[in-house]
C-alpha atoms as a PDB file:
ATOM      1  CA  MET A   1     108.410 106.895 235.062  1.00  0.00           C
ATOM      2  CA  CYS A   2     104.386 105.293 235.435  1.00  0.00           C
ATOM      3  CA  ILE A   3     104.177 103.415 238.449  1.00  0.00           C
ATOM      4  CA  PHE A   4     102.079 100.125 239.082  1.00  0.00           C
ATOM      5  CA  LYS A   5      99.080 100.531 241.397  1.00  0.00           C
ATOM      6  CA  THR A   6      97.178  97.562 242.341  1.00  0.00           C
ATOM      7  CA  VAL A   7      93.197  97.729 242.841  1.00  0.00           C
ATOM      8  CA  ASP A   8      93.489  98.304 246.565  1.00  0.00           C
ATOM      9  CA  GLU A   9      95.951 101.054 246.145  1.00  0.00           C
ATOM     10  CA  GLN A  10      94.023 102.501 243.780  1.00  0.00           C
ATOM     11  CA  ILE A  11      91.150 102.492 245.846  1.00  0.00           C
ATOM     12  CA  MET A  12      92.817 103.647 248.740  1.00  0.00           C
ATOM     13  CA  ILE A  13      94.355 106.493 246.531  1.00  0.00           C
ATOM     14  CA  LEU A  14      90.289 107.679 245.612  1.00  0.00           C
ATOM     15  CA  LYS A  15      88.940 107.440 249.290  1.00  0.00           C
ATOM     16  CA  GLN A  16      92.161 109.762 250.466  1.00  0.00           C
ATOM     17  CA  ARG A  17      91.005 112.413 247.943  1.00  0.00           C
ATOM     18  CA  GLY A  18      87.742 112.642 249.342  1.00  0.00           C
ATOM     19  CA  LEU A  19      85.345 109.939 246.851  1.00  0.00           C
ATOM     20  CA  THR A  20      83.019 108.288 248.646  1.00  0.00           C
ATOM     21  CA  ILE A  21      82.357 104.324 247.933  1.00  0.00           C
ATOM     22  CA  HIS A  22      79.652 102.563 249.277  1.00  0.00           C
ATOM     23  CA  ASN A  23      80.600  99.279 247.811  1.00  0.00           C
ATOM     24  CA  GLU A  24      84.291  98.543 247.800  1.00  0.00           C
ATOM     25  CA  GLU A  25      83.971  95.124 246.843  1.00  0.00           C
ATOM     26  CA  ARG A  26      82.174  96.080 243.468  1.00  0.00           C
ATOM     27  CA  ALA A  27      84.650  99.357 242.624  1.00  0.00           C
ATOM     28  CA  ARG A  28      87.212  96.483 243.133  1.00  0.00           C
ATOM     29  CA  ARG A  29      85.639  94.390 240.590  1.00  0.00           C
ATOM     30  CA  TYR A  30      85.132  97.685 238.121  1.00  0.00           C
ATOM     31  CA  LEU A  31      88.365  98.751 238.177  1.00  0.00           C
ATOM     32  CA  LEU A  32      89.849  95.268 237.542  1.00  0.00           C
ATOM     33  CA  THR A  33      87.912  94.583 235.050  1.00  0.00           C
ATOM     34  CA  SER A  34      87.670  98.585 233.244  1.00  0.00           C
ATOM     35  CA  ASN A  35      90.847 100.749 232.707  1.00  0.00           C
ATOM     36  CA  TYR A  36      91.789 103.365 235.703  1.00  0.00           C
ATOM     37  CA  TYR A  37      93.214 105.505 233.725  1.00  0.00           C
ATOM     38  CA  ALA A  38      90.381 105.956 231.014  1.00  0.00           C
ATOM     39  CA  ILE A  39      87.510 105.854 233.400  1.00  0.00           C
ATOM     40  CA  ILE A  40      88.990 107.398 236.825  1.00  0.00           C
ATOM     41  CA  ASN A  41      91.311 109.633 235.025  1.00  0.00           C
ATOM     42  CA  GLY A  42      88.677 110.514 232.095  1.00  0.00           C
ATOM     43  CA  TYR A  43      85.607 111.333 234.014  1.00  0.00           C
ATOM     44  CA  SER A  44      86.369 111.826 237.760  1.00  0.00           C
ATOM     45  CA  LYS A  45      87.347 115.310 237.064  1.00  0.00           C
ATOM     46  CA  PHE A  46      84.043 117.007 236.803  1.00  0.00           C
ATOM     47  CA  PHE A  47      83.469 115.906 240.590  1.00  0.00           C
ATOM     48  CA  GLN A  48      87.351 117.806 241.459  1.00  0.00           C
ATOM     49  CA  ASP A  49      87.882 120.739 243.137  1.00  0.00           C
ATOM     50  CA  ARG A  50      90.562 122.997 242.065  1.00  0.00           C
ATOM     51  CA  ASP A  51      93.306 120.905 244.405  1.00  0.00           C
ATOM     52  CA  ASN A  52      92.204 117.579 242.566  1.00  0.00           C
ATOM     53  CA  HIS A  53      89.877 116.757 245.321  1.00  0.00           C
ATOM     54  CA  PHE A  54      86.814 115.183 245.422  1.00  0.00           C
ATOM     55  CA  MET A  55      83.504 117.546 246.122  1.00  0.00           C
ATOM     56  CA  SER A  56      81.234 116.683 248.946  1.00  0.00           C
ATOM     57  CA  GLY A  57      79.211 114.077 248.220  1.00  0.00           C
ATOM     58  CA  ALA A  58      81.312 112.484 244.924  1.00  0.00           C
ATOM     59  CA  SER A  59      80.976 109.096 244.867  1.00  0.00           C
ATOM     60  CA  PHE A  60      82.381 106.268 242.528  1.00  0.00           C
ATOM     61  CA  ASP A  61      79.130 105.322 241.201  1.00  0.00           C
ATOM     62  CA  GLU A  62      78.709 108.558 239.878  1.00  0.00           C
ATOM     63  CA  ILE A  63      82.063 108.754 238.406  1.00  0.00           C
ATOM     64  CA  ARG A  64      81.019 105.002 236.965  1.00  0.00           C
ATOM     65  CA  GLU A  65      77.546 106.336 235.693  1.00  0.00           C
ATOM     66  CA  LEU A  66      79.083 109.500 233.790  1.00  0.00           C
ATOM     67  CA  TYR A  67      81.490 106.856 231.758  1.00  0.00           C
ATOM     68  CA  TRP A  68      78.533 105.038 230.966  1.00  0.00           C
ATOM     69  CA  PHE A  69      76.679 108.608 229.676  1.00  0.00           C
ATOM     70  CA  ASP A  70      79.556 108.856 227.671  1.00  0.00           C
ATOM     71  CA  LYS A  71      79.570 105.471 226.359  1.00  0.00           C
ATOM     72  CA  GLU A  72      75.616 105.617 225.753  1.00  0.00           C
ATOM     73  CA  ILE A  73      75.853 109.101 224.083  1.00  0.00           C
ATOM     74  CA  LYS A  74      78.469 108.143 221.440  1.00  0.00           C
ATOM     75  CA  GLN A  75      76.295 105.125 220.801  1.00  0.00           C
ATOM     76  CA  ILE A  76      73.369 107.298 220.393  1.00  0.00           C
ATOM     77  CA  LEU A  77      74.968 109.663 218.219  1.00  0.00           C
ATOM     78  CA  LEU A  78      76.683 107.244 215.902  1.00  0.00           C
ATOM     79  CA  ASP A  79      73.538 105.656 215.122  1.00  0.00           C
ATOM     80  CA  GLY A  80      72.520 109.672 213.965  1.00  0.00           C
ATOM     81  CA  ILE A  81      75.194 110.002 211.656  1.00  0.00           C
ATOM     82  CA  LEU A  82      74.982 106.155 210.187  1.00  0.00           C
ATOM     83  CA  ASN A  83      71.400 107.436 209.261  1.00  0.00           C
ATOM     84  CA  ALA A  84      72.805 110.572 207.678  1.00  0.00           C
ATOM     85  CA  GLU A  85      75.816 108.844 206.103  1.00  0.00           C
ATOM     86  CA  HIS A  86      73.244 106.709 204.186  1.00  0.00           C
ATOM     87  CA  HIS A  87      71.119 109.468 202.999  1.00  0.00           C
ATOM     88  CA  LEU A  88      73.668 111.479 201.530  1.00  0.00           C
ATOM     89  CA  LYS A  89      75.506 108.065 199.871  1.00  0.00           C
ATOM     90  CA  PHE A  90      72.950 107.903 197.884  1.00  0.00           C
ATOM     91  CA  ILE A  91      71.957 110.925 196.928  1.00  0.00           C
ATOM     92  CA  ALA A  92      75.540 111.561 196.260  1.00  0.00           C
ATOM     93  CA  ALA A  93      75.583 108.393 194.203  1.00  0.00           C
ATOM     94  CA  TYR A  94      72.456 109.640 192.196  1.00  0.00           C
ATOM     95  CA  ARG A  95      73.540 113.500 191.417  1.00  0.00           C
ATOM     96  CA  PHE A  96      77.038 111.141 190.141  1.00  0.00           C
ATOM     97  CA  ALA A  97      75.295 108.971 187.713  1.00  0.00           C
ATOM     98  CA  GLU A  98      73.818 111.910 186.206  1.00  0.00           C
ATOM     99  CA  ILE A  99      76.896 112.799 184.717  1.00  0.00           C
ATOM    100  CA  SER A 100      78.336 109.608 184.148  1.00  0.00           C
ATOM    101  CA  GLN A 101      75.753 107.819 182.481  1.00  0.00           C
ATOM    102  CA  ASN A 102      76.408 104.739 180.637  1.00  0.00           C
ATOM    103  CA  GLU A 103      80.095 105.237 181.656  1.00  0.00           C
ATOM    104  CA  LYS A 104      81.844 101.809 182.968  1.00  0.00           C
ATOM    105  CA  TYR A 105      83.750 102.875 185.893  1.00  0.00           C
ATOM    106  CA  GLY A 106      83.227 106.436 185.653  1.00  0.00           C
ATOM    107  CA  TYR A 107      83.998 107.142 188.862  1.00  0.00           C
ATOM    108  CA  LEU A 108      87.793 106.043 187.915  1.00  0.00           C
ATOM    109  CA  ASN A 109      87.684 108.896 184.842  1.00  0.00           C
ATOM    110  CA  ILE A 110      89.449 111.915 186.413  1.00  0.00           C
ATOM    111  CA  GLY A 111      87.305 113.713 184.137  1.00  0.00           C
ATOM    112  CA  ASN A 112      83.727 113.645 186.107  1.00  0.00           C
ATOM    113  CA  TYR A 113      85.788 115.659 188.976  1.00  0.00           C
ATOM    114  CA  ASP A 114      86.389 119.101 189.894  1.00  0.00           C
ATOM    115  CA  HIS A 115      89.524 119.987 187.335  1.00  0.00           C
ATOM    116  CA  GLU A 116      90.688 122.274 190.356  1.00  0.00           C
ATOM    117  CA  LYS A 117      91.422 119.596 192.850  1.00  0.00           C
ATOM    118  CA  LEU A 118      93.754 117.223 190.766  1.00  0.00           C
ATOM    119  CA  ASN A 119      95.942 116.322 193.605  1.00  0.00           C
ATOM    120  CA  TYR A 120      92.308 115.001 195.836  1.00  0.00           C
ATOM    121  CA  ASP A 121      91.302 113.719 192.704  1.00  0.00           C
ATOM    122  CA  TRP A 122      94.049 110.998 191.984  1.00  0.00           C
ATOM    123  CA  LYS A 123      94.230 109.903 195.467  1.00  0.00           C
ATOM    124  CA  LEU A 124      89.973 109.313 195.749  1.00  0.00           C
ATOM    125  CA  ILE A 125      90.452 107.701 192.499  1.00  0.00           C
ATOM    126  CA  SER A 126      93.062 105.250 193.885  1.00  0.00           C
ATOM    127  CA  LYS A 127      91.122 104.657 197.088  1.00  0.00           C
ATOM    128  CA  LEU A 128      88.161 103.771 194.930  1.00  0.00           C
ATOM    129  CA  SER A 129      90.418 101.274 192.494  1.00  0.00           C
ATOM    130  CA  GLN A 130      91.402  99.828 196.548  1.00  0.00           C
ATOM    131  CA  ILE A 131      88.070  99.172 197.511  1.00  0.00           C
ATOM    132  CA  LEU A 132      87.138  97.302 193.753  1.00  0.00           C
ATOM    133  CA  SER A 133      90.348  95.065 194.261  1.00  0.00           C
ATOM    134  CA  SER A 134      90.178  93.906 197.580  1.00  0.00           C
ATOM    135  CA  ASN A 135      86.562  93.107 197.114  1.00  0.00           C
ATOM    136  CA  CYS A 136      86.658  91.215 193.461  1.00  0.00           C
ATOM    137  CA  LYS A 137      88.514  88.070 194.701  1.00  0.00           C
ATOM    138  CA  TYR A 138      85.547  87.207 197.311  1.00  0.00           C
ATOM    139  CA  ASN A 139      82.236  86.039 195.499  1.00  0.00           C
ATOM    140  CA  ASN A 140      80.256  87.067 198.549  1.00  0.00           C
ATOM    141  CA  ASN A 141      79.864  90.368 197.849  1.00  0.00           C
ATOM    142  CA  THR A 142      77.928  92.689 194.958  1.00  0.00           C
ATOM    143  CA  ILE A 143      81.094  94.293 193.651  1.00  0.00           C
ATOM    144  CA  TYR A 144      82.620  91.216 192.606  1.00  0.00           C
ATOM    145  CA  HIS A 145      78.487  89.884 191.100  1.00  0.00           C
ATOM    146  CA  ASN A 146      78.843  92.989 189.195  1.00  0.00           C
ATOM    147  CA  ILE A 147      82.455  92.734 187.703  1.00  0.00           C
ATOM    148  CA  HIS A 148      81.777  88.659 186.943  1.00  0.00           C
ATOM    149  CA  THR A 149      77.590  89.639 185.346  1.00  0.00           C
ATOM    150  CA  HIS A 150      77.928  93.115 184.160  1.00  0.00           C
ATOM    151  CA  ASN A 151      82.010  93.992 183.519  1.00  0.00           C
ATOM    152  CA  ASP A 152      80.921  97.495 184.973  1.00  0.00           C
ATOM    153  CA  VAL A 153      80.420  98.084 188.940  1.00  0.00           C
ATOM    154  CA  PRO A 154      78.349 100.930 189.115  1.00  0.00           C
ATOM    155  CA  ILE A 155      77.953 103.665 191.418  1.00  0.00           C
ATOM    156  CA  TRP A 156      75.522 103.164 193.571  1.00  0.00           C
ATOM    157  CA  VAL A 157      77.137  99.965 194.220  1.00  0.00           C
ATOM    158  CA  LEU A 158      80.477 101.079 195.027  1.00  0.00           C
ATOM    159  CA  VAL A 159      79.100 103.776 197.357  1.00  0.00           C
ATOM    160  CA  ASP A 160      77.510 101.273 199.691  1.00  0.00           C
ATOM    161  CA  PHE A 161      81.403 100.069 200.520  1.00  0.00           C
ATOM    162  CA  PHE A 162      82.445 104.139 200.784  1.00  0.00           C
ATOM    163  CA  ASP A 163      83.676 104.748 204.449  1.00  0.00           C
ATOM    164  CA  PHE A 164      82.601 108.314 205.749  1.00  0.00           C
ATOM    165  CA  GLY A 165      85.871 109.310 205.363  1.00  0.00           C
ATOM    166  CA  THR A 166      85.706 108.221 201.770  1.00  0.00           C
ATOM    167  CA  LEU A 167      82.566 109.638 200.919  1.00  0.00           C
ATOM    168  CA  ARG A 168      83.199 112.918 202.156  1.00  0.00           C
ATOM    169  CA  ALA A 169      86.276 113.081 199.984  1.00  0.00           C
ATOM    170  CA  PHE A 170      83.792 111.834 197.139  1.00  0.00           C
ATOM    171  CA  ILE A 171      81.237 114.865 197.406  1.00  0.00           C
ATOM    172  CA  ARG A 172      84.140 116.942 198.250  1.00  0.00           C
ATOM    173  CA  ASP A 173      86.153 116.415 194.940  1.00  0.00           C
ATOM    174  CA  LEU A 174      82.546 116.379 192.515  1.00  0.00           C
ATOM    175  CA  PRO A 175      82.277 119.408 190.062  1.00  0.00           C
ATOM    176  CA  HIS A 176      80.156 122.187 191.898  1.00  0.00           C
ATOM    177  CA  SER A 177      77.318 121.981 190.225  1.00  0.00           C
ATOM    178  CA  VAL A 178      77.030 118.481 191.053  1.00  0.00           C
ATOM    179  CA  GLN A 179      77.726 119.153 194.969  1.00  0.00           C
ATOM    180  CA  ASN A 180      75.111 122.094 194.777  1.00  0.00           C
ATOM    181  CA  LYS A 181      72.620 119.529 193.574  1.00  0.00           C
ATOM    182  CA  ILE A 182      73.327 117.226 196.150  1.00  0.00           C
ATOM    183  CA  ALA A 183      73.097 120.700 199.081  1.00  0.00           C
ATOM    184  CA  VAL A 184      69.492 121.491 197.507  1.00  0.00           C
ATOM    185  CA  ASP A 185      68.341 117.420 197.850  1.00  0.00           C
ATOM    186  CA  CYS A 186      69.084 118.411 201.504  1.00  0.00           C
ATOM    187  CA  ILE A 187      67.204 121.382 202.302  1.00  0.00           C
ATOM    188  CA  GLY A 188      64.128 119.322 202.040  1.00  0.00           C
ATOM    189  CA  PHE A 189      65.622 117.677 205.400  1.00  0.00           C
ATOM    190  CA  ILE A 190      66.290 120.860 206.674  1.00  0.00           C
ATOM    191  CA  GLN A 191      62.963 122.330 206.233  1.00  0.00           C
ATOM    192  CA  ASP A 192      61.320 119.054 208.021  1.00  0.00           C
ATOM    193  CA  ASN A 193      63.423 119.853 210.970  1.00  0.00           C
ATOM    194  CA  VAL A 194      64.098 124.053 211.230  1.00  0.00           C
ATOM    195  CA  PRO A 195      60.377 125.235 210.649  1.00  0.00           C
ATOM    196  CA  GLY A 196      60.533 128.439 208.300  1.00  0.00           C
ATOM    197  CA  PHE A 197      63.658 127.658 206.817  1.00  0.00           C
ATOM    198  CA  ASP A 198      63.752 129.020 203.716  1.00  0.00           C
ATOM    199  CA  SER A 199      67.491 130.067 202.989  1.00  0.00           C
ATOM    200  CA  ALA A 200      69.809 128.332 200.211  1.00  0.00           C
ATOM    201  CA  PHE A 201      72.054 125.871 201.388  1.00  0.00           C
ATOM    202  CA  PRO A 202      75.780 126.689 200.206  1.00  0.00           C
ATOM    203  CA  VAL A 203      78.102 124.177 198.925  1.00  0.00           C
ATOM    204  CA  GLU A 204      80.655 125.409 201.190  1.00  0.00           C
ATOM    205  CA  ILE A 205      78.872 125.229 204.045  1.00  0.00           C
ATOM    206  CA  MET A 206      77.268 121.870 203.399  1.00  0.00           C
ATOM    207  CA  ASN A 207      80.820 120.627 203.421  1.00  0.00           C
ATOM    208  CA  SER A 208      81.945 122.128 206.409  1.00  0.00           C
ATOM    209  CA  PHE A 209      78.762 120.321 207.964  1.00  0.00           C
ATOM    210  CA  ILE A 210      79.141 117.183 206.661  1.00  0.00           C
ATOM    211  CA  LYS A 211      83.676 117.392 207.753  1.00  0.00           C
ATOM    212  CA  ASN A 212      82.622 118.179 211.456  1.00  0.00           C
ATOM    213  CA  ILE A 213      80.100 115.286 211.646  1.00  0.00           C
ATOM    214  CA  HIS A 214      83.089 112.819 210.213  1.00  0.00           C
ATOM    215  CA  GLU A 215      85.287 114.057 213.116  1.00  0.00           C
ATOM    216  CA  ALA A 216      82.498 113.546 215.557  1.00  0.00           C
ATOM    217  CA  ARG A 217      81.893 109.980 213.940  1.00  0.00           C
ATOM    218  CA  ASN A 218      85.493 108.952 214.264  1.00  0.00           C
ATOM    219  CA  ILE A 219      85.292 110.027 217.941  1.00  0.00           C
ATOM    220  CA  CYS A 220      81.955 107.690 218.423  1.00  0.00           C
ATOM    221  CA  ALA A 221      83.070 104.664 216.418  1.00  0.00           C
ATOM    222  CA  HIS A 222      86.760 105.077 218.010  1.00  0.00           C
ATOM    223  CA  ASN A 223      84.934 105.037 221.958  1.00  0.00           C
ATOM    224  CA  LYS A 224      87.127 108.032 222.616  1.00  0.00           C
ATOM    225  CA  HIS A 225      85.746 110.817 224.990  1.00  0.00           C
ATOM    226  CA  LEU A 226      82.715 112.315 223.921  1.00  0.00           C
ATOM    227  CA  LEU A 227      82.823 114.686 226.513  1.00  0.00           C
ATOM    228  CA  LYS A 228      84.899 117.886 225.817  1.00  0.00           C
ATOM    229  CA  PHE A 229      85.296 116.890 222.595  1.00  0.00           C
ATOM    230  CA  GLU A 230      85.780 119.552 219.883  1.00  0.00           C
ATOM    231  CA  CYS A 231      85.598 119.346 216.216  1.00  0.00           C
ATOM    232  CA  ARG A 232      89.267 121.344 215.120  1.00  0.00           C
ATOM    233  CA  SER A 233      86.966 124.199 213.452  1.00  0.00           C
ATOM    234  CA  ASP A 234      83.803 125.864 213.495  1.00  0.00           C
ATOM    235  CA  VAL A 235      81.411 124.714 210.674  1.00  0.00           C
ATOM    236  CA  THR A 236      80.884 127.706 208.346  1.00  0.00           C
ATOM    237  CA  TYR A 237      77.652 130.112 210.174  1.00  0.00           C
ATOM    238  CA  LEU A 238      74.202 129.860 208.028  1.00  0.00           C
ATOM    239  CA  GLN A 239      72.245 132.576 209.607  1.00  0.00           C
ATOM    240  CA  GLN A 240      68.891 131.833 209.807  1.00  0.00           C
ATOM    241  CA  PHE A 241      69.749 127.832 210.675  1.00  0.00           C
ATOM    242  CA  HIS A 242      72.058 128.462 213.479  1.00  0.00           C
ATOM    243  CA  SER A 243      70.120 131.572 214.742  1.00  0.00           C
ATOM    244  CA  LEU A 244      67.398 129.301 214.815  1.00  0.00           C
ATOM    245  CA  ASN A 245      69.034 127.064 217.156  1.00  0.00           C
ATOM    246  CA  ASN A 246      70.451 129.406 219.344  1.00  0.00           C
ATOM    247  CA  ILE A 247      74.244 129.380 218.050  1.00  0.00           C
ATOM    248  CA  THR A 248      76.134 132.280 217.266  1.00  0.00           C
ATOM    249  CA  ASN A 249      78.530 133.064 214.459  1.00  0.00           C
ATOM    250  CA  GLU A 250      81.198 134.238 217.460  1.00  0.00           C
ATOM    251  CA  ASN A 251      84.605 131.780 217.115  1.00  0.00           C
ATOM    252  CA  GLY A 252      84.881 128.698 218.629  1.00  0.00           C
ATOM    253  CA  THR A 253      80.450 128.106 219.133  1.00  0.00           C
ATOM    254  CA  ARG A 254      80.106 126.109 216.234  1.00  0.00           C
ATOM    255  CA  LYS A 255      83.014 123.237 217.266  1.00  0.00           C
ATOM    256  CA  SER A 256      80.553 121.032 219.751  1.00  0.00           C
ATOM    257  CA  VAL A 257      79.019 118.216 219.904  1.00  0.00           C
ATOM    258  CA  TYR A 258      75.957 120.108 220.183  1.00  0.00           C
ATOM    259  CA  SER A 259      76.718 122.325 216.677  1.00  0.00           C
ATOM    260  CA  THR A 260      77.315 118.724 215.069  1.00  0.00           C
ATOM    261  CA  PHE A 261      74.155 117.864 216.354  1.00  0.00           C
ATOM    262  CA  ILE A 262      71.937 120.519 215.311  1.00  0.00           C
ATOM    263  CA  SER A 263      74.720 120.246 211.969  1.00  0.00           C
ATOM    264  CA  LEU A 264      72.667 116.514 211.168  1.00  0.00           C
ATOM    265  CA  GLN A 265      69.314 118.258 210.785  1.00  0.00           C
ATOM    266  CA  CYS A 266      70.302 118.890 207.073  1.00  0.00           C
ATOM    267  CA  PHE A 267      71.038 114.971 206.693  1.00  0.00           C
ATOM    268  CA  LEU A 268      68.131 113.092 208.630  1.00  0.00           C
ATOM    269  CA  SER A 269      64.733 112.325 208.213  1.00  0.00           C
ATOM    270  CA  LYS A 270      61.972 114.371 210.794  1.00  0.00           C
ATOM    271  CA  THR A 271      61.369 110.851 212.394  1.00  0.00           C
ATOM    272  CA  GLU A 272      65.096 110.031 212.635  1.00  0.00           C
ATOM    273  CA  TYR A 273      66.203 113.578 214.045  1.00  0.00           C
ATOM    274  CA  ARG A 274      63.443 113.732 216.547  1.00  0.00           C
ATOM    275  CA  ILE A 275      64.289 109.895 217.878  1.00  0.00           C
ATOM    276  CA  LEU A 276      67.862 110.800 217.603  1.00  0.00           C
ATOM    277  CA  SER A 277      67.152 114.410 219.626  1.00  0.00           C
ATOM    278  CA  ASN A 278      64.196 112.778 222.173  1.00  0.00           C
ATOM    279  CA  THR A 279      66.693 109.822 222.673  1.00  0.00           C
ATOM    280  CA  ILE A 280      69.806 111.833 223.672  1.00  0.00           C
ATOM    281  CA  ARG A 281      67.218 114.233 225.933  1.00  0.00           C
ATOM    282  CA  LYS A 282      65.944 111.100 227.644  1.00  0.00           C
ATOM    283  CA  ARG A 283      69.723 110.006 228.644  1.00  0.00           C
ATOM    284  CA  MET A 284      70.589 113.537 230.207  1.00  0.00           C
ATOM    285  CA  ARG A 285      67.580 113.208 232.234  1.00  0.00           C
ATOM    286  CA  ASN A 286      68.577 109.627 233.490  1.00  0.00           C
ATOM    287  CA  LEU A 287      71.593 111.247 234.301  1.00  0.00           C
ATOM    288  CA  ASN A 288      70.583 114.117 236.153  1.00  0.00           C
ATOM    289  CA  TYR A 289      68.383 111.822 237.981  1.00  0.00           C
ATOM    290  CA  LYS A 290      71.061 109.399 239.149  1.00  0.00           C
ATOM    291  CA  VAL A 291      74.171 112.358 240.060  1.00  0.00           C
ATOM    292  CA  LYS A 292      73.561 114.406 242.698  1.00  0.00           C
ATOM    293  CA  SER A 293      77.008 116.032 243.812  1.00  0.00           C
ATOM    294  CA  ILE A 294      77.204 118.388 240.427  1.00  0.00           C
ATOM    295  CA  ASN A 295      74.771 120.127 238.479  1.00  0.00           C
ATOM    296  CA  ILE A 296      73.779 118.248 235.413  1.00  0.00           C
ATOM    297  CA  ASN A 297      74.555 122.169 232.987  1.00  0.00           C
ATOM    298  CA  THR A 298      78.451 121.004 233.859  1.00  0.00           C
ATOM    299  CA  ILE A 299      77.957 118.021 231.578  1.00  0.00           C
ATOM    300  CA  LEU A 300      76.013 119.479 229.189  1.00  0.00           C
ATOM    301  CA  ASP A 301      78.384 122.633 228.943  1.00  0.00           C
ATOM    302  CA  ALA A 302      80.990 119.950 227.971  1.00  0.00           C
ATOM    303  CA  LEU A 303      79.068 118.405 225.149  1.00  0.00           C
ATOM    304  CA  GLY A 304      78.301 122.334 224.053  1.00  0.00           C
ATOM    305  CA  PHE A 305      74.387 121.935 225.132  1.00  0.00           C
ATOM    306  CA  PRO A 306      72.396 125.108 226.429  1.00  0.00           C
ATOM    307  CA  ASP A 307      71.759 124.492 229.964  1.00  0.00           C
ATOM    308  CA  ASN A 308      69.091 122.456 231.085  1.00  0.00           C
ATOM    309  CA  TRP A 309      68.206 121.094 227.321  1.00  0.00           C
ATOM    310  CA  GLN A 310      67.047 118.493 228.639  1.00  0.00           C
ATOM    311  CA  GLU A 311      63.814 120.086 230.304  1.00  0.00           C
ATOM    312  CA  CYS A 312      62.731 120.809 226.849  1.00  0.00           C
ATOM    313  CA  PRO A 313      59.432 118.716 225.898  1.00  0.00           C
ATOM    314  CA  ALA A 314      60.096 116.000 223.679  1.00  0.00           C
ATOM    315  CA  LEU A 315      59.801 116.254 219.810  1.00  0.00           C
ATOM    316  CA  VAL A 316      56.648 114.511 218.594  1.00  0.00           C
ATOM    317  CA  GLN A 317      57.654 111.299 216.649  1.00  0.00           C
ATOM    318  CA  THR A 318      55.765 110.994 213.725  1.00  0.00           C
ATOM    319  CA  PHE A 319      56.347 107.380 211.264  1.00  0.00           C
END
């Protein structure tokens, strides 16, 4: 049974376990207005030994800094993922429009999808119908405008209403030839971000990247712990791409936040990716300045980043 503890009792327990609290009033106020379980249980493990006792020098302020670091990194990564989502939406919409020219509501025609994925296709079409029906009643959106003005909602309008899960399903269910065009369109991003890349970008690999980016996106958007998060499966190995980023073909090496971060090079412009990379690096350096009782590489390892990654030179940003 879970037993309620007052804030004063929580502070006493933390002190008994060896945690330094420099300002008890500030800690008391913080615990009162925040979630003890999410913050202390979620982040104090990095500062404890095997007996759940805090390491020498570990402080409440350091746990709070790690909590804010995780929160900031989620927001930074989510911003990058939203940029990638934007590019994928309109690449996919363009390539779909090519095969359904002048066909009203062509995305509701099962004949425009991969015939080997009929079960998935019907679920997708049902989802797209729901998007139309839930937005056609209100005159404050482009779906309403297009239905009442043109008796059609083109894919480049509808796609703006996709969440990432719908976008992922839409790309996955397209005919292989259309998916391949989307993958080829993304090679320009890869070549901009990974100098010397001259490999193909197979559809299966693209979809595995999108799948793991989608999982990471949900962690960030729903404010779950990013530290120690791993996707359910490795992305498919792309030798030239992964080796240039020091990621191996060993099982378990391509589930991490770092692997997802690297995958975003396939869907972001050079400027977008460099801003993302430099901002994460800056936050890691800032955390290293504020947290002294543990090695920063402990935190980098929890995200899958290489040791001392934050000390790499910043990437030159061009606009």
